[in-house]
Amino acid sequence: MKKFLIVGLGNIGEKYTNTRHNIGFKIIDEVAEEHNVSFTTETLGDIATFRFKGRTFILLKPNTYMNLSGKAVKFWLNKENIAIENLLVVTDDLNIDFGTIRIKAKGSDGGHNGLKDIQDKLATNKYPRFRFGVGANYSKGRQVDYVLGEWNKEETSLLIERLPTSAKIITSFGTAGLNNTMNEFNGK
């Protein structure tokens, strides 16, 4: 049975729950809810597992904080013996308009410290990633405040429709493959 590791990036703790930087956690939570599974705290993160169309999906929310996510990703890839092409990292992206989706097979970290750490620990930038646009509606020097800021009312209402689409991307990645998923969802 094919296994997939789906990693949502975010920061642990109540104060980060509704921040833009935690969209990875929020999307992974949506997937878990749709498949009626709950998370348990394991080594280096919270884990939930479900089967869908003959595939096993392992959802991971690292508890290492965003900037040290690579250790958890590497540990779970090795522990579950999952090929790197069956890894999907879900993260926020300031360089993309709010709610826009970009799925890629590889790429740079784009200045994202979570992706930078994963790239460092895996010694490659050739792993699939799903970037969810959070926009760049902040003034110069206020980037950290913006990503660690909570969603505004308009964003919160739009997330209600974007989260189910994001959850579909996760299962599509495992069942239809990366290329088909990119063709169907990129730019939406």
N, C-alpha and C. Protein backbone atom coordinates (compact mmCIF):
# COMPACT_ATOMS: atom_id res chain seq x y z
N MET A 1 0.84 -1.19 0.00
CA MET A 1 0.00 0.00 0.00
C MET A 1 0.89 1.25 0.00
N LYS A 2 0.58 2.18 -0.89
CA LYS A 2 1.36 3.40 -0.98
C LYS A 2 1.09 4.28 0.24
N LYS A 3 2.19 4.87 0.77
CA LYS A 3 2.08 5.76 1.92
C LYS A 3 2.53 7.16 1.52
N PHE A 4 1.86 8.14 2.12
CA PHE A 4 2.17 9.55 1.86
C PHE A 4 2.30 10.28 3.18
N LEU A 5 3.32 11.12 3.28
CA LEU A 5 3.51 11.97 4.45
C LEU A 5 3.10 13.38 4.07
N ILE A 6 2.07 13.88 4.72
CA ILE A 6 1.57 15.22 4.46
C ILE A 6 1.90 16.07 5.68
N VAL A 7 2.75 17.06 5.49
CA VAL A 7 3.24 17.87 6.60
C VAL A 7 2.67 19.28 6.51
N GLY A 8 1.95 19.67 7.53
CA GLY A 8 1.46 21.05 7.62
C GLY A 8 2.42 21.82 8.51
N LEU A 9 2.94 22.92 7.98
CA LEU A 9 3.87 23.73 8.78
C LEU A 9 3.10 24.76 9.61
N GLY A 10 3.60 24.97 10.81
CA GLY A 10 3.00 25.94 11.72
C GLY A 10 3.78 25.98 13.02
N ASN A 11 3.30 26.79 13.91
CA ASN A 11 3.90 26.90 15.24
C ASN A 11 2.91 26.37 16.27
N ILE A 12 3.43 25.65 17.26
CA ILE A 12 2.56 25.13 18.31
C ILE A 12 2.22 26.22 19.32
N GLY A 13 1.10 26.05 19.97
CA GLY A 13 0.69 26.99 21.01
C GLY A 13 -0.54 27.77 20.60
N GLU A 14 -1.36 28.02 21.58
CA GLU A 14 -2.64 28.70 21.38
C GLU A 14 -2.49 30.05 20.68
N LYS A 15 -1.44 30.79 21.02
CA LYS A 15 -1.30 32.14 20.46
C LYS A 15 -1.04 32.14 18.96
N TYR A 16 -0.67 31.00 18.39
CA TYR A 16 -0.40 30.92 16.95
C TYR A 16 -1.54 30.30 16.15
N THR A 17 -2.53 29.76 16.83
CA THR A 17 -3.57 28.96 16.18
C THR A 17 -4.19 29.63 14.95
N ASN A 18 -4.60 30.87 15.06
CA ASN A 18 -5.29 31.55 13.96
C ASN A 18 -4.42 32.55 13.21
N THR A 19 -3.13 32.28 13.17
CA THR A 19 -2.23 33.18 12.44
C THR A 19 -2.03 32.70 11.01
N ARG A 20 -1.63 33.62 10.15
CA ARG A 20 -1.39 33.31 8.74
C ARG A 20 -0.30 32.25 8.60
N HIS A 21 0.70 32.32 9.45
CA HIS A 21 1.84 31.39 9.38
C HIS A 21 1.41 29.95 9.66
N ASN A 22 0.25 29.77 10.28
CA ASN A 22 -0.21 28.43 10.65
C ASN A 22 -1.20 27.83 9.67
N ILE A 23 -1.25 28.34 8.45
CA ILE A 23 -2.19 27.79 7.47
C ILE A 23 -1.91 26.32 7.21
N GLY A 24 -0.66 25.89 7.30
CA GLY A 24 -0.33 24.48 7.11
C GLY A 24 -1.05 23.60 8.13
N PHE A 25 -1.01 24.01 9.39
CA PHE A 25 -1.74 23.27 10.44
C PHE A 25 -3.24 23.29 10.15
N LYS A 26 -3.75 24.46 9.76
CA LYS A 26 -5.19 24.62 9.54
C LYS A 26 -5.68 23.69 8.42
N ILE A 27 -4.90 23.60 7.34
CA ILE A 27 -5.27 22.73 6.22
C ILE A 27 -5.21 21.26 6.64
N ILE A 28 -4.17 20.88 7.37
CA ILE A 28 -4.04 19.50 7.84
C ILE A 28 -5.20 19.15 8.80
N ASP A 29 -5.59 20.10 9.63
CA ASP A 29 -6.73 19.89 10.52
C ASP A 29 -8.01 19.65 9.72
N GLU A 30 -8.18 20.40 8.63
CA GLU A 30 -9.35 20.23 7.77
C GLU A 30 -9.39 18.83 7.17
N VAL A 31 -8.25 18.34 6.71
CA VAL A 31 -8.16 16.99 6.14
C VAL A 31 -8.53 15.95 7.20
N ALA A 32 -7.97 16.10 8.39
CA ALA A 32 -8.25 15.15 9.48
C ALA A 32 -9.74 15.14 9.81
N GLU A 33 -10.33 16.32 9.85
CA GLU A 33 -11.76 16.42 10.17
C GLU A 33 -12.61 15.74 9.10
N GLU A 34 -12.28 15.98 7.83
CA GLU A 34 -13.04 15.38 6.73
C GLU A 34 -12.94 13.86 6.73
N HIS A 35 -11.82 13.32 7.23
CA HIS A 35 -11.63 11.87 7.24
C HIS A 35 -11.85 11.27 8.63
N ASN A 36 -12.38 12.12 9.53
CA ASN A 36 -12.80 11.67 10.85
C ASN A 36 -11.68 10.98 11.63
N VAL A 37 -10.49 11.60 11.60
CA VAL A 37 -9.37 11.09 12.39
C VAL A 37 -8.89 12.19 13.32
N SER A 38 -8.28 11.78 14.42
CA SER A 38 -7.75 12.77 15.35
C SER A 38 -6.25 12.57 15.52
N PHE A 39 -5.62 13.60 16.00
CA PHE A 39 -4.17 13.60 16.17
C PHE A 39 -3.77 13.06 17.53
N THR A 40 -2.64 12.36 17.56
CA THR A 40 -2.02 11.97 18.81
C THR A 40 -0.60 12.53 18.81
N THR A 41 -0.12 12.87 19.97
CA THR A 41 1.23 13.41 20.07
C THR A 41 2.22 12.26 20.05
N GLU A 42 3.12 12.33 19.09
CA GLU A 42 4.16 11.31 18.90
C GLU A 42 5.51 12.01 18.92
N THR A 43 6.54 11.31 18.51
CA THR A 43 7.88 11.90 18.44
C THR A 43 7.88 13.06 17.45
N LEU A 44 8.29 14.23 17.90
CA LEU A 44 8.48 15.43 17.10
C LEU A 44 7.22 16.00 16.44
N GLY A 45 6.05 15.54 16.87
CA GLY A 45 4.85 16.14 16.28
C GLY A 45 3.57 15.41 16.61
N ASP A 46 2.49 15.98 16.09
CA ASP A 46 1.17 15.36 16.21
C ASP A 46 0.88 14.63 14.90
N ILE A 47 0.38 13.40 15.02
CA ILE A 47 0.19 12.50 13.88
C ILE A 47 -1.26 12.04 13.82
N ALA A 48 -1.80 11.99 12.60
CA ALA A 48 -3.10 11.35 12.34
C ALA A 48 -2.94 10.55 11.06
N THR A 49 -3.56 9.39 11.00
CA THR A 49 -3.42 8.51 9.84
C THR A 49 -4.80 8.08 9.36
N PHE A 50 -4.97 8.05 8.03
CA PHE A 50 -6.20 7.52 7.46
C PHE A 50 -5.89 6.85 6.13
N ARG A 51 -6.82 5.99 5.71
CA ARG A 51 -6.70 5.32 4.42
C ARG A 51 -7.77 5.89 3.49
N PHE A 52 -7.39 6.07 2.23
CA PHE A 52 -8.31 6.60 1.23
C PHE A 52 -7.92 6.04 -0.13
N LYS A 53 -8.87 5.37 -0.77
CA LYS A 53 -8.65 4.79 -2.10
C LYS A 53 -7.37 3.96 -2.19
N GLY A 54 -7.16 3.12 -1.19
CA GLY A 54 -6.01 2.22 -1.21
C GLY A 54 -4.69 2.86 -0.84
N ARG A 55 -4.73 4.09 -0.38
CA ARG A 55 -3.50 4.79 0.03
C ARG A 55 -3.57 5.09 1.52
N THR A 56 -2.40 5.16 2.14
CA THR A 56 -2.30 5.57 3.54
C THR A 56 -1.74 6.97 3.59
N PHE A 57 -2.44 7.84 4.28
CA PHE A 57 -2.02 9.23 4.45
C PHE A 57 -1.63 9.43 5.91
N ILE A 58 -0.41 9.88 6.13
CA ILE A 58 0.06 10.21 7.47
C ILE A 58 0.18 11.73 7.54
N LEU A 59 -0.65 12.32 8.38
CA LEU A 59 -0.65 13.78 8.56
C LEU A 59 0.26 14.12 9.72
N LEU A 60 1.14 15.09 9.51
CA LEU A 60 2.10 15.50 10.54
C LEU A 60 2.03 17.00 10.76
N LYS A 61 1.88 17.37 12.03
CA LYS A 61 2.04 18.76 12.45
C LYS A 61 3.26 18.77 13.39
N PRO A 62 4.42 19.19 12.86
CA PRO A 62 5.63 19.17 13.71
C PRO A 62 5.45 20.03 14.95
N ASN A 63 6.01 19.56 16.08
CA ASN A 63 5.95 20.36 17.31
C ASN A 63 7.30 21.01 17.60
N THR A 64 8.09 21.16 16.56
CA THR A 64 9.44 21.71 16.67
C THR A 64 9.48 23.22 16.42
N TYR A 65 8.35 23.83 16.19
CA TYR A 65 8.22 25.20 15.71
C TYR A 65 8.65 25.26 14.25
N MET A 66 8.09 26.23 13.57
CA MET A 66 8.24 26.38 12.13
C MET A 66 9.68 26.27 11.63
N ASN A 67 10.57 27.03 12.25
CA ASN A 67 11.93 27.15 11.73
C ASN A 67 12.79 25.91 11.92
N LEU A 68 12.28 24.91 12.63
CA LEU A 68 13.02 23.67 12.86
C LEU A 68 12.23 22.45 12.37
N SER A 69 11.40 22.65 11.38
CA SER A 69 10.50 21.58 10.89
C SER A 69 11.23 20.41 10.24
N GLY A 70 12.42 20.65 9.72
CA GLY A 70 13.14 19.61 8.98
C GLY A 70 13.42 18.36 9.78
N LYS A 71 13.71 18.51 11.06
CA LYS A 71 14.00 17.35 11.91
C LYS A 71 12.81 16.39 11.97
N ALA A 72 11.61 16.94 12.15
CA ALA A 72 10.40 16.12 12.22
C ALA A 72 10.11 15.47 10.87
N VAL A 73 10.26 16.23 9.79
CA VAL A 73 10.00 15.69 8.46
C VAL A 73 10.93 14.52 8.17
N LYS A 74 12.21 14.71 8.42
CA LYS A 74 13.19 13.64 8.16
C LYS A 74 12.90 12.41 9.02
N PHE A 75 12.61 12.64 10.30
CA PHE A 75 12.33 11.53 11.21
C PHE A 75 11.17 10.68 10.69
N TRP A 76 10.04 11.32 10.32
CA TRP A 76 8.85 10.57 9.91
C TRP A 76 8.99 9.95 8.53
N LEU A 77 9.73 10.59 7.64
CA LEU A 77 10.01 9.94 6.34
C LEU A 77 10.76 8.63 6.57
N ASN A 78 11.78 8.69 7.43
CA ASN A 78 12.59 7.50 7.72
C ASN A 78 11.80 6.45 8.50
N LYS A 79 11.09 6.89 9.54
CA LYS A 79 10.35 5.96 10.39
C LYS A 79 9.31 5.18 9.58
N GLU A 80 8.61 5.86 8.68
CA GLU A 80 7.55 5.23 7.90
C GLU A 80 8.03 4.71 6.54
N ASN A 81 9.33 4.90 6.28
CA ASN A 81 9.93 4.43 5.01
C ASN A 81 9.15 4.98 3.81
N ILE A 82 8.99 6.29 3.78
CA ILE A 82 8.24 6.97 2.72
C ILE A 82 9.22 7.66 1.77
N ALA A 83 9.03 7.43 0.49
CA ALA A 83 9.87 8.05 -0.54
C ALA A 83 9.63 9.56 -0.55
N ILE A 84 10.67 10.32 -0.84
CA ILE A 84 10.57 11.78 -0.80
C ILE A 84 9.52 12.31 -1.78
N GLU A 85 9.30 11.60 -2.89
CA GLU A 85 8.27 12.07 -3.83
C GLU A 85 6.86 11.88 -3.28
N ASN A 86 6.72 11.13 -2.17
CA ASN A 86 5.42 10.96 -1.51
C ASN A 86 5.27 11.86 -0.29
N LEU A 87 6.15 12.85 -0.21
CA LEU A 87 6.08 13.89 0.83
C LEU A 87 5.41 15.11 0.22
N LEU A 88 4.49 15.72 0.95
CA LEU A 88 3.90 16.99 0.54
C LEU A 88 3.94 17.93 1.74
N VAL A 89 4.62 19.06 1.58
CA VAL A 89 4.73 20.05 2.65
C VAL A 89 3.76 21.19 2.35
N VAL A 90 2.90 21.49 3.31
CA VAL A 90 1.87 22.51 3.16
C VAL A 90 2.28 23.73 3.99
N THR A 91 2.37 24.88 3.32
CA THR A 91 2.87 26.06 3.99
C THR A 91 2.25 27.35 3.47
N ASP A 92 2.47 28.43 4.20
CA ASP A 92 2.03 29.76 3.78
C ASP A 92 3.04 30.34 2.80
N ASP A 93 2.59 31.32 2.00
CA ASP A 93 3.50 32.00 1.08
C ASP A 93 3.09 33.46 0.95
N LEU A 94 4.00 34.35 1.32
CA LEU A 94 3.77 35.79 1.23
C LEU A 94 3.78 36.30 -0.21
N ASN A 95 4.43 35.58 -1.09
CA ASN A 95 4.61 36.03 -2.47
C ASN A 95 3.43 35.68 -3.38
N ILE A 96 2.39 35.12 -2.81
CA ILE A 96 1.21 34.72 -3.57
C ILE A 96 0.00 35.42 -2.95
N ASP A 97 -0.91 35.88 -3.81
CA ASP A 97 -2.13 36.54 -3.33
C ASP A 97 -2.91 35.62 -2.40
N PHE A 98 -3.62 36.22 -1.45
CA PHE A 98 -4.38 35.46 -0.48
C PHE A 98 -5.27 34.42 -1.15
N GLY A 99 -5.20 33.18 -0.64
CA GLY A 99 -6.07 32.11 -1.10
C GLY A 99 -5.64 31.42 -2.37
N THR A 100 -4.64 31.97 -3.06
CA THR A 100 -4.16 31.35 -4.30
C THR A 100 -3.28 30.16 -3.94
N ILE A 101 -3.40 29.12 -4.76
CA ILE A 101 -2.71 27.86 -4.49
C ILE A 101 -1.61 27.64 -5.51
N ARG A 102 -0.45 27.22 -5.04
CA ARG A 102 0.64 26.87 -5.93
C ARG A 102 1.26 25.57 -5.43
N ILE A 103 1.20 24.56 -6.28
CA ILE A 103 1.77 23.24 -5.97
C ILE A 103 2.95 23.03 -6.90
N LYS A 104 4.08 22.63 -6.35
CA LYS A 104 5.28 22.43 -7.15
C LYS A 104 5.99 21.15 -6.73
N ALA A 105 6.74 20.58 -7.66
CA ALA A 105 7.50 19.35 -7.40
C ALA A 105 8.80 19.64 -6.67
N LYS A 106 9.29 20.86 -6.80
CA LYS A 106 10.56 21.25 -6.16
C LYS A 106 10.63 22.76 -6.19
N GLY A 107 11.68 23.31 -5.61
CA GLY A 107 11.85 24.76 -5.67
C GLY A 107 12.69 25.28 -4.53
N SER A 108 12.88 26.58 -4.56
CA SER A 108 13.67 27.22 -3.51
C SER A 108 12.81 27.36 -2.26
N ASP A 109 13.45 27.78 -1.19
CA ASP A 109 12.69 28.01 0.04
C ASP A 109 11.93 29.33 -0.01
N GLY A 110 12.26 30.19 -0.97
CA GLY A 110 11.55 31.45 -1.13
C GLY A 110 11.63 32.34 0.11
N GLY A 111 12.68 32.17 0.91
CA GLY A 111 12.83 32.95 2.13
C GLY A 111 12.03 32.42 3.31
N HIS A 112 11.38 31.28 3.12
CA HIS A 112 10.57 30.68 4.19
C HIS A 112 11.46 29.80 5.06
N ASN A 113 11.58 30.13 6.33
CA ASN A 113 12.51 29.42 7.22
C ASN A 113 12.14 27.96 7.46
N GLY A 114 10.86 27.64 7.45
CA GLY A 114 10.45 26.25 7.59
C GLY A 114 10.92 25.42 6.41
N LEU A 115 10.71 25.92 5.20
CA LEU A 115 11.18 25.21 4.00
C LEU A 115 12.70 25.15 3.96
N LYS A 116 13.33 26.21 4.41
CA LYS A 116 14.80 26.26 4.44
C LYS A 116 15.36 25.15 5.32
N ASP A 117 14.74 24.94 6.48
CA ASP A 117 15.20 23.90 7.40
C ASP A 117 14.93 22.50 6.83
N ILE A 118 13.79 22.32 6.19
CA ILE A 118 13.49 21.02 5.57
C ILE A 118 14.52 20.73 4.48
N GLN A 119 14.78 21.71 3.64
CA GLN A 119 15.77 21.55 2.57
C GLN A 119 17.14 21.20 3.16
N ASP A 120 17.50 21.85 4.24
CA ASP A 120 18.79 21.59 4.89
C ASP A 120 18.85 20.16 5.44
N LYS A 121 17.81 19.74 6.15
CA LYS A 121 17.81 18.41 6.77
C LYS A 121 17.70 17.27 5.75
N LEU A 122 16.97 17.51 4.64
CA LEU A 122 16.82 16.48 3.62
C LEU A 122 17.93 16.54 2.57
N ALA A 123 18.73 17.61 2.62
CA ALA A 123 19.83 17.84 1.67
C ALA A 123 19.34 17.88 0.22
N THR A 124 18.12 18.40 0.03
CA THR A 124 17.58 18.57 -1.32
C THR A 124 16.41 19.55 -1.28
N ASN A 125 16.16 20.18 -2.41
CA ASN A 125 14.97 21.02 -2.54
C ASN A 125 13.96 20.34 -3.47
N LYS A 126 14.21 19.08 -3.77
CA LYS A 126 13.36 18.32 -4.69
C LYS A 126 12.35 17.48 -3.91
N TYR A 127 11.38 18.16 -3.36
CA TYR A 127 10.26 17.50 -2.68
C TYR A 127 9.02 18.36 -2.96
N PRO A 128 7.86 17.72 -3.12
CA PRO A 128 6.63 18.46 -3.41
C PRO A 128 6.22 19.38 -2.27
N ARG A 129 5.70 20.54 -2.67
CA ARG A 129 5.19 21.49 -1.68
C ARG A 129 3.92 22.13 -2.19
N PHE A 130 3.07 22.47 -1.27
CA PHE A 130 1.78 23.10 -1.53
C PHE A 130 1.82 24.43 -0.77
N ARG A 131 1.90 25.50 -1.54
CA ARG A 131 1.97 26.84 -0.95
C ARG A 131 0.60 27.50 -1.03
N PHE A 132 0.15 27.98 0.09
CA PHE A 132 -1.14 28.68 0.18
C PHE A 132 -0.83 30.17 0.35
N GLY A 133 -1.28 30.97 -0.59
CA GLY A 133 -0.99 32.40 -0.55
C GLY A 133 -1.65 33.12 0.61
N VAL A 134 -0.86 33.89 1.34
CA VAL A 134 -1.40 34.72 2.41
C VAL A 134 -1.29 36.20 2.06
N GLY A 135 -0.72 36.48 0.86
CA GLY A 135 -0.59 37.86 0.43
C GLY A 135 0.53 38.58 1.15
N ALA A 136 0.72 39.83 0.77
CA ALA A 136 1.80 40.63 1.36
C ALA A 136 1.28 42.01 1.73
N ASN A 137 0.17 42.02 2.44
CA ASN A 137 -0.48 43.26 2.81
C ASN A 137 0.10 43.83 4.11
N TYR A 138 1.38 44.17 4.06
CA TYR A 138 2.04 44.72 5.23
C TYR A 138 3.03 45.79 4.79
N SER A 139 3.36 46.68 5.71
CA SER A 139 4.31 47.73 5.38
C SER A 139 5.74 47.23 5.59
N LYS A 140 6.67 47.93 4.99
CA LYS A 140 8.08 47.54 5.04
C LYS A 140 8.53 47.29 6.48
N GLY A 141 9.21 46.16 6.67
CA GLY A 141 9.74 45.81 7.98
C GLY A 141 8.72 45.13 8.90
N ARG A 142 7.51 44.91 8.42
CA ARG A 142 6.45 44.36 9.27
C ARG A 142 6.06 42.92 8.87
N GLN A 143 6.92 42.25 8.13
CA GLN A 143 6.63 40.90 7.63
C GLN A 143 6.34 39.92 8.76
N VAL A 144 7.18 39.92 9.78
CA VAL A 144 6.99 38.97 10.89
C VAL A 144 5.66 39.23 11.59
N ASP A 145 5.36 40.50 11.84
CA ASP A 145 4.08 40.83 12.47
C ASP A 145 2.90 40.36 11.62
N TYR A 146 3.06 40.49 10.30
CA TYR A 146 1.98 40.10 9.39
C TYR A 146 1.75 38.59 9.42
N VAL A 147 2.80 37.79 9.24
CA VAL A 147 2.60 36.34 9.19
C VAL A 147 2.19 35.78 10.55
N LEU A 148 2.64 36.43 11.63
CA LEU A 148 2.24 35.97 12.96
C LEU A 148 0.96 36.66 13.44
N GLY A 149 0.39 37.49 12.57
CA GLY A 149 -0.88 38.15 12.87
C GLY A 149 -2.05 37.23 12.55
N GLU A 150 -3.18 37.50 13.17
CA GLU A 150 -4.37 36.68 12.94
C GLU A 150 -5.08 37.12 11.67
N TRP A 151 -5.84 36.17 11.10
CA TRP A 151 -6.62 36.44 9.90
C TRP A 151 -7.60 37.57 10.17
N ASN A 152 -7.79 38.47 9.20
CA ASN A 152 -8.82 39.49 9.37
C ASN A 152 -10.19 38.89 9.02
N LYS A 153 -11.26 39.65 9.21
CA LYS A 153 -12.62 39.11 9.01
C LYS A 153 -12.83 38.64 7.58
N GLU A 154 -12.37 39.41 6.61
CA GLU A 154 -12.56 39.04 5.20
C GLU A 154 -11.82 37.73 4.89
N GLU A 155 -10.57 37.63 5.35
CA GLU A 155 -9.79 36.41 5.13
C GLU A 155 -10.45 35.21 5.80
N THR A 156 -10.94 35.41 7.02
CA THR A 156 -11.59 34.32 7.76
C THR A 156 -12.80 33.79 7.00
N SER A 157 -13.61 34.70 6.44
CA SER A 157 -14.79 34.24 5.70
C SER A 157 -14.39 33.54 4.40
N LEU A 158 -13.33 33.98 3.76
CA LEU A 158 -12.87 33.33 2.52
C LEU A 158 -12.21 31.98 2.80
N LEU A 159 -11.61 31.84 3.97
CA LEU A 159 -10.99 30.56 4.34
C LEU A 159 -12.01 29.43 4.38
N ILE A 160 -13.24 29.76 4.75
CA ILE A 160 -14.29 28.75 4.85
C ILE A 160 -14.46 28.02 3.52
N GLU A 161 -14.30 28.73 2.40
CA GLU A 161 -14.41 28.06 1.10
C GLU A 161 -13.08 27.52 0.60
N ARG A 162 -11.97 28.08 1.04
CA ARG A 162 -10.65 27.65 0.56
C ARG A 162 -10.17 26.37 1.25
N LEU A 163 -10.56 26.16 2.48
CA LEU A 163 -10.08 24.98 3.22
C LEU A 163 -10.56 23.65 2.62
N PRO A 164 -11.84 23.51 2.24
CA PRO A 164 -12.24 22.24 1.61
C PRO A 164 -11.49 21.97 0.30
N THR A 165 -11.24 23.01 -0.49
CA THR A 165 -10.46 22.84 -1.72
C THR A 165 -9.05 22.38 -1.37
N SER A 166 -8.48 22.96 -0.35
CA SER A 166 -7.13 22.59 0.08
C SER A 166 -7.08 21.13 0.53
N ALA A 167 -8.13 20.68 1.20
CA ALA A 167 -8.19 19.28 1.64
C ALA A 167 -8.26 18.34 0.44
N LYS A 168 -8.98 18.75 -0.60
CA LYS A 168 -9.06 17.94 -1.83
C LYS A 168 -7.69 17.78 -2.48
N ILE A 169 -6.89 18.82 -2.39
CA ILE A 169 -5.53 18.77 -2.96
C ILE A 169 -4.73 17.65 -2.31
N ILE A 170 -4.87 17.51 -1.01
CA ILE A 170 -4.11 16.48 -0.27
C ILE A 170 -4.46 15.09 -0.78
N THR A 171 -5.75 14.79 -0.88
CA THR A 171 -6.13 13.45 -1.34
C THR A 171 -5.83 13.27 -2.82
N SER A 172 -5.95 14.32 -3.60
CA SER A 172 -5.61 14.25 -5.02
C SER A 172 -4.14 13.93 -5.21
N PHE A 173 -3.29 14.53 -4.41
CA PHE A 173 -1.85 14.27 -4.48
C PHE A 173 -1.56 12.77 -4.33
N GLY A 174 -2.25 12.13 -3.39
CA GLY A 174 -2.02 10.71 -3.15
C GLY A 174 -2.70 9.79 -4.14
N THR A 175 -3.81 10.22 -4.72
CA THR A 175 -4.57 9.33 -5.60
C THR A 175 -4.37 9.63 -7.09
N ALA A 176 -4.32 10.90 -7.46
CA ALA A 176 -4.19 11.27 -8.88
C ALA A 176 -2.75 11.58 -9.26
N GLY A 177 -1.90 11.81 -8.26
CA GLY A 177 -0.50 12.12 -8.54
C GLY A 177 -0.23 13.61 -8.57
N LEU A 178 1.04 13.94 -8.48
CA LEU A 178 1.47 15.34 -8.40
C LEU A 178 1.10 16.13 -9.66
N ASN A 179 1.43 15.61 -10.83
CA ASN A 179 1.18 16.37 -12.06
C ASN A 179 -0.30 16.65 -12.28
N ASN A 180 -1.14 15.66 -12.10
CA ASN A 180 -2.59 15.87 -12.25
C ASN A 180 -3.11 16.87 -11.23
N THR A 181 -2.58 16.79 -10.02
CA THR A 181 -3.01 17.72 -8.96
C THR A 181 -2.58 19.15 -9.30
N MET A 182 -1.36 19.30 -9.79
CA MET A 182 -0.89 20.64 -10.20
C MET A 182 -1.78 21.18 -11.31
N ASN A 183 -2.08 20.35 -12.31
CA ASN A 183 -2.91 20.80 -13.44
C ASN A 183 -4.31 21.20 -13.00
N GLU A 184 -4.86 20.48 -12.06
CA GLU A 184 -6.23 20.78 -11.63
C GLU A 184 -6.33 21.97 -10.70
N PHE A 185 -5.36 22.15 -9.80
CA PHE A 185 -5.53 23.12 -8.71
C PHE A 185 -4.64 24.35 -8.77
N ASN A 186 -3.52 24.32 -9.48
CA ASN A 186 -2.62 25.48 -9.45
C ASN A 186 -3.32 26.74 -9.93
N GLY A 187 -3.10 27.82 -9.20
CA GLY A 187 -3.65 29.11 -9.54
C GLY A 187 -5.08 29.34 -9.07
N LYS A 188 -5.69 28.31 -8.51
CA LYS A 188 -7.09 28.47 -8.07
C LYS A 188 -7.16 29.15 -6.74
